[in-house]
Amino acid sequence: MAASAQGDATSRVHIGTSGWGYGTWKPAFYPEKTKQKDFLRYYASQLNAVEVNYTFRHMVSEKSVTSWLAETPPEFRFAIKAHQTITHIRRLKNAAEPVQRFVESLKTLDSCGRLGPALFQLPPNLKCDVAVLRDFLALLPPKLKATFEFRNDSWFADHVYTALGDHDAALCIAEDEERETPDISTASFSYYRFRKPGYTPDELRERSDKLRELSAQREVFAFFKHEEDPQSAVWAASVLQRAKPR
């Protein structure tokens, strides 16, 4: 088990998993007697960020945000996945109204300094359209840390990277069984999604060292796959401890 993640308010490395509410993480990550209502509080003692995927189908409520804030320390960050209306239904087009609602739902996290990036994960069948991307980027508040996970290879092109860079939006560096995103920086921060089903100790050390090196230049966010297997949380905690500046 990793040492406490608290007390690291100046960290530029933010590491966690995509979710925290898994009873099957006991006892490998959560101690056996931990109640579900206390999961986030314990999670935040071991990791310093979480990617909230619940918001893909539900706008986050003020009640939920208030609870999250009370259960996590000031240095903890929440990365929020954009609602499916924006990415999968509107497919970035004519999205002004859902974007406004999504951004409004983030205001409390933002005003408290606890908001991490907003993740816009696009469907695999959405092919590259840079004009649509540029129009969409123009809708986003300038201060919002936006990151885009493209799951169609047509997006991996220089004109896309330029469009992202013009708005300080990050290319989400994602890896899973099917593809690996080119590791290209387009923003003042970096965002990684480690989604492979398994990582060797050497692979974890390699990723830890890379994140630590990057954090000397910019803020870095990285999230391991969630699911029911507690191994992702254990991996994230070990990577966070090694990735912190020495």
Protein backbone atom coordinates (compact mmCIF):
# COMPACT_ATOMS: atom_id res chain seq x y z
CA MET A 1 0.00 0.00 0.00
CA ALA A 2 1.26 3.45 -0.88
CA ALA A 3 2.04 6.09 1.69
CA SER A 4 -0.44 8.91 2.19
CA ALA A 5 -0.98 11.21 -0.77
CA GLN A 6 -2.01 14.11 1.47
CA GLY A 7 0.25 17.01 2.37
CA ASP A 8 1.46 17.39 -1.21
CA ALA A 9 -0.30 20.63 -2.08
CA THR A 10 2.43 21.80 -4.48
CA SER A 11 2.48 18.61 -6.55
CA ARG A 12 2.28 19.02 -10.31
CA VAL A 13 1.69 15.29 -10.72
CA HIS A 14 -1.94 14.20 -10.34
CA ILE A 15 -2.55 10.45 -10.52
CA GLY A 16 -5.57 8.28 -9.86
CA THR A 17 -8.14 5.99 -11.43
CA SER A 18 -11.37 6.43 -13.36
CA GLY A 19 -13.76 6.11 -10.43
CA TRP A 20 -13.53 5.00 -6.82
CA GLY A 21 -16.80 3.31 -5.74
CA TYR A 22 -15.84 -0.33 -6.06
CA GLY A 23 -16.45 -2.72 -3.20
CA THR A 24 -14.32 -5.31 -4.99
CA TRP A 25 -11.26 -3.16 -4.22
CA LYS A 26 -11.34 -4.56 -0.69
CA PRO A 27 -8.97 -5.65 0.75
CA ALA A 28 -6.31 -5.11 -1.96
CA PHE A 29 -6.80 -1.33 -1.92
CA TYR A 30 -9.53 -0.40 0.56
CA PRO A 31 -9.09 -1.90 4.05
CA GLU A 32 -11.62 -4.67 4.63
CA LYS A 33 -13.73 -2.72 7.14
CA THR A 34 -13.99 0.46 5.06
CA LYS A 35 -17.62 1.43 4.45
CA GLN A 36 -18.65 2.51 0.97
CA LYS A 37 -19.51 6.01 2.18
CA ASP A 38 -15.88 6.35 3.27
CA PHE A 39 -14.33 5.09 0.03
CA LEU A 40 -13.55 8.54 -1.42
CA ARG A 41 -12.03 9.78 1.83
CA TYR A 42 -9.68 6.78 1.94
CA TYR A 43 -8.99 6.95 -1.80
CA ALA A 44 -7.90 10.58 -1.39
CA SER A 45 -5.45 9.57 1.33
CA GLN A 46 -3.63 7.39 -1.21
CA LEU A 47 -4.14 9.21 -4.52
CA ASN A 48 -4.43 12.88 -5.40
CA ALA A 49 -6.84 12.89 -8.35
CA VAL A 50 -9.77 11.00 -9.83
CA GLU A 51 -11.37 10.93 -13.25
CA VAL A 52 -15.14 11.10 -12.85
CA ASN A 53 -16.82 9.05 -15.60
CA TYR A 54 -20.30 9.27 -14.00
CA THR A 55 -20.70 12.66 -15.67
CA PHE A 56 -20.75 11.04 -19.12
CA ARG A 57 -24.43 10.22 -18.51
CA HIS A 58 -25.38 12.58 -15.65
CA MET A 59 -24.63 16.23 -14.98
CA VAL A 60 -22.90 16.40 -11.62
CA SER A 61 -25.11 17.87 -8.87
CA GLU A 62 -24.15 20.55 -6.37
CA LYS A 63 -24.90 18.09 -3.58
CA SER A 64 -22.39 15.60 -4.97
CA VAL A 65 -19.72 18.25 -5.43
CA THR A 66 -20.18 19.52 -1.87
CA SER A 67 -19.74 15.97 -0.58
CA TRP A 68 -16.64 15.40 -2.71
CA LEU A 69 -15.04 18.58 -1.45
CA ALA A 70 -15.70 17.66 2.17
CA GLU A 71 -14.13 14.23 1.76
CA THR A 72 -10.93 15.22 -0.02
CA PRO A 73 -7.95 17.47 0.84
CA PRO A 74 -7.31 20.83 -0.86
CA GLU A 75 -4.66 19.44 -3.22
CA PHE A 76 -6.99 16.76 -4.60
CA ARG A 77 -8.22 17.27 -8.19
CA PHE A 78 -11.33 16.07 -10.04
CA ALA A 79 -11.06 15.49 -13.79
CA ILE A 80 -14.57 15.44 -15.27
CA LYS A 81 -15.66 13.49 -18.33
CA ALA A 82 -17.90 15.52 -20.64
CA HIS A 83 -21.54 14.52 -21.06
CA GLN A 84 -22.40 12.18 -23.94
CA THR A 85 -24.79 14.78 -25.39
CA ILE A 86 -21.73 16.83 -26.34
CA THR A 87 -19.46 14.10 -27.66
CA HIS A 88 -21.67 11.24 -28.83
CA ILE A 89 -25.07 12.76 -29.63
CA ARG A 90 -24.18 16.22 -30.93
CA ARG A 91 -20.70 14.95 -31.91
CA LEU A 92 -19.27 18.42 -31.19
CA LYS A 93 -21.74 20.13 -33.55
CA ASN A 94 -24.40 22.62 -32.41
CA ALA A 95 -23.19 21.99 -28.87
CA ALA A 96 -23.36 25.47 -27.36
CA GLU A 97 -26.28 24.71 -25.03
CA PRO A 98 -25.00 21.37 -23.59
CA VAL A 99 -21.51 22.85 -23.26
CA GLN A 100 -22.94 25.75 -21.27
CA ARG A 101 -24.77 23.34 -18.95
CA PHE A 102 -21.68 21.17 -18.56
CA VAL A 103 -19.44 24.13 -17.76
CA GLU A 104 -22.03 25.48 -15.30
CA SER A 105 -21.95 22.15 -13.44
CA LEU A 106 -18.19 22.58 -12.90
CA LYS A 107 -18.33 26.06 -11.36
CA THR A 108 -18.08 25.04 -7.71
CA LEU A 109 -15.13 22.74 -8.32
CA ASP A 110 -13.50 25.49 -10.35
CA SER A 111 -14.08 28.25 -7.81
CA CYS A 112 -12.56 26.07 -5.08
CA GLY A 113 -9.48 25.36 -7.16
CA ARG A 114 -10.28 21.65 -7.27
CA LEU A 115 -11.18 21.22 -10.92
CA GLY A 116 -8.81 19.22 -13.08
CA PRO A 117 -9.19 18.88 -16.86
CA ALA A 118 -12.45 18.21 -18.67
CA LEU A 119 -12.17 15.07 -20.79
CA PHE A 120 -13.92 15.06 -24.16
CA GLN A 121 -13.85 11.44 -25.30
CA LEU A 122 -15.02 11.07 -28.90
CA PRO A 123 -16.67 7.95 -30.33
CA PRO A 124 -14.55 5.60 -32.48
CA ASN A 125 -16.70 6.21 -35.57
CA LEU A 126 -16.26 9.99 -35.48
CA LYS A 127 -13.69 10.84 -38.15
CA CYS A 128 -11.51 13.91 -38.27
CA ASP A 129 -13.13 17.24 -39.06
CA VAL A 130 -10.83 20.07 -38.02
CA ALA A 131 -13.36 22.78 -38.84
CA VAL A 132 -15.85 21.22 -36.43
CA LEU A 133 -13.12 20.86 -33.81
CA ARG A 134 -12.10 24.51 -34.13
CA ASP A 135 -15.71 25.69 -33.88
CA PHE A 136 -16.17 23.55 -30.78
CA LEU A 137 -12.97 24.76 -29.13
CA ALA A 138 -14.21 28.32 -29.58
CA LEU A 139 -17.18 27.48 -27.33
CA LEU A 140 -15.02 26.52 -24.36
CA PRO A 141 -14.03 28.98 -21.62
CA PRO A 142 -10.37 29.96 -22.11
CA LYS A 143 -9.41 28.87 -18.60
CA LEU A 144 -10.95 25.40 -18.88
CA LYS A 145 -8.33 22.68 -19.14
CA ALA A 146 -9.80 20.67 -22.01
CA THR A 147 -8.35 17.37 -23.18
CA PHE A 148 -9.55 15.36 -26.18
CA GLU A 149 -9.40 11.59 -26.50
CA PHE A 150 -9.66 10.69 -30.18
CA ARG A 151 -10.50 7.08 -30.90
CA ASN A 152 -10.38 7.25 -34.68
CA ASP A 153 -6.88 7.33 -36.17
CA SER A 154 -7.83 10.01 -38.70
CA TRP A 155 -7.46 12.61 -35.92
CA PHE A 156 -3.77 11.92 -35.39
CA ALA A 157 -2.49 14.61 -37.73
CA ASP A 158 -0.51 17.84 -37.52
CA HIS A 159 -3.45 20.13 -38.36
CA VAL A 160 -5.39 18.65 -35.42
CA TYR A 161 -2.46 19.18 -33.07
CA THR A 162 -2.22 22.79 -34.26
CA ALA A 163 -5.93 23.38 -33.62
CA LEU A 164 -5.60 21.99 -30.09
CA GLY A 165 -2.46 24.01 -29.43
CA ASP A 166 -4.11 27.24 -30.54
CA HIS A 167 -6.57 26.80 -27.65
CA ASP A 168 -4.17 25.25 -25.10
CA ALA A 169 -6.17 22.02 -25.29
CA ALA A 170 -4.38 18.74 -24.64
CA LEU A 171 -4.25 15.66 -26.80
CA CYS A 172 -5.22 12.87 -24.39
CA ILE A 173 -2.47 10.26 -24.54
CA ALA A 174 -4.43 7.03 -24.23
CA GLU A 175 -3.25 3.44 -24.46
CA ASP A 176 -5.36 0.30 -24.50
CA GLU A 177 -5.46 -3.09 -26.20
CA GLU A 178 -6.41 -1.53 -29.56
CA ARG A 179 -4.32 1.61 -29.98
CA GLU A 180 -1.81 4.01 -28.52
CA THR A 181 -2.19 7.73 -29.07
CA PRO A 182 0.95 9.48 -30.35
CA ASP A 183 2.66 11.07 -27.36
CA ILE A 184 2.49 14.66 -28.57
CA SER A 185 2.17 17.72 -26.36
CA THR A 186 -0.31 20.38 -27.48
CA ALA A 187 -1.01 22.22 -24.20
CA SER A 188 0.47 23.63 -21.02
CA PHE A 189 -0.54 20.41 -19.24
CA SER A 190 -0.50 16.70 -20.10
CA TYR A 191 -3.23 14.08 -19.73
CA TYR A 192 -2.68 10.31 -19.84
CA ARG A 193 -5.12 7.38 -19.72
CA PHE A 194 -3.45 4.05 -19.00
CA ARG A 195 -6.05 1.48 -20.08
CA LYS A 196 -4.13 -1.72 -20.76
CA PRO A 197 -5.28 -4.80 -18.83
CA GLY A 198 -1.85 -5.33 -17.30
CA TYR A 199 1.43 -3.55 -16.57
CA THR A 200 4.72 -5.10 -15.54
CA PRO A 201 6.83 -3.53 -12.75
CA ASP A 202 9.25 -2.25 -15.38
CA GLU A 203 6.42 -0.64 -17.36
CA LEU A 204 5.11 1.06 -14.22
CA ARG A 205 8.58 2.38 -13.38
CA GLU A 206 8.95 3.67 -16.92
CA ARG A 207 5.65 5.56 -16.74
CA SER A 208 6.42 6.91 -13.28
CA ASP A 209 9.77 8.29 -14.40
CA LYS A 210 8.22 9.86 -17.49
CA LEU A 211 5.49 11.58 -15.49
CA ARG A 212 8.01 12.88 -12.97
CA GLU A 213 10.19 14.32 -15.74
CA LEU A 214 7.22 15.96 -17.43
CA SER A 215 6.05 17.53 -14.16
CA ALA A 216 9.20 19.65 -14.11
CA GLN A 217 7.75 21.43 -17.16
CA ARG A 218 3.98 21.32 -16.66
CA GLU A 219 1.07 19.88 -14.70
CA VAL A 220 0.52 16.22 -15.42
CA PHE A 221 -2.66 14.16 -14.99
CA ALA A 222 -2.73 10.37 -15.37
CA PHE A 223 -5.49 7.84 -14.74
CA PHE A 224 -5.52 4.06 -14.72
CA LYS A 225 -8.40 1.93 -15.91
CA HIS A 226 -11.07 1.37 -13.28
CA GLU A 227 -13.37 -1.66 -13.65
CA GLU A 228 -13.82 -4.09 -10.76
CA ASP A 229 -10.17 -5.12 -10.50
CA PRO A 230 -8.41 -3.33 -7.61
CA GLN A 231 -5.07 -3.63 -9.38
CA SER A 232 -5.58 -0.31 -11.17
CA ALA A 233 -5.75 1.57 -7.87
CA VAL A 234 -2.69 -0.27 -6.54
CA TRP A 235 -0.78 0.58 -9.72
CA ALA A 236 -1.84 4.23 -9.53
CA ALA A 237 -0.72 4.55 -5.91
CA SER A 238 2.69 3.05 -6.65
CA VAL A 239 3.19 5.25 -9.72
CA LEU A 240 2.22 8.38 -7.76
CA GLN A 241 4.80 7.68 -5.06
CA ARG A 242 7.57 7.19 -7.60
CA ALA A 243 6.48 10.07 -9.85
CA LYS A 244 6.53 12.74 -7.15
CA PRO A 245 9.51 15.13 -7.42
CA ARG A 246 12.46 14.03 -5.30
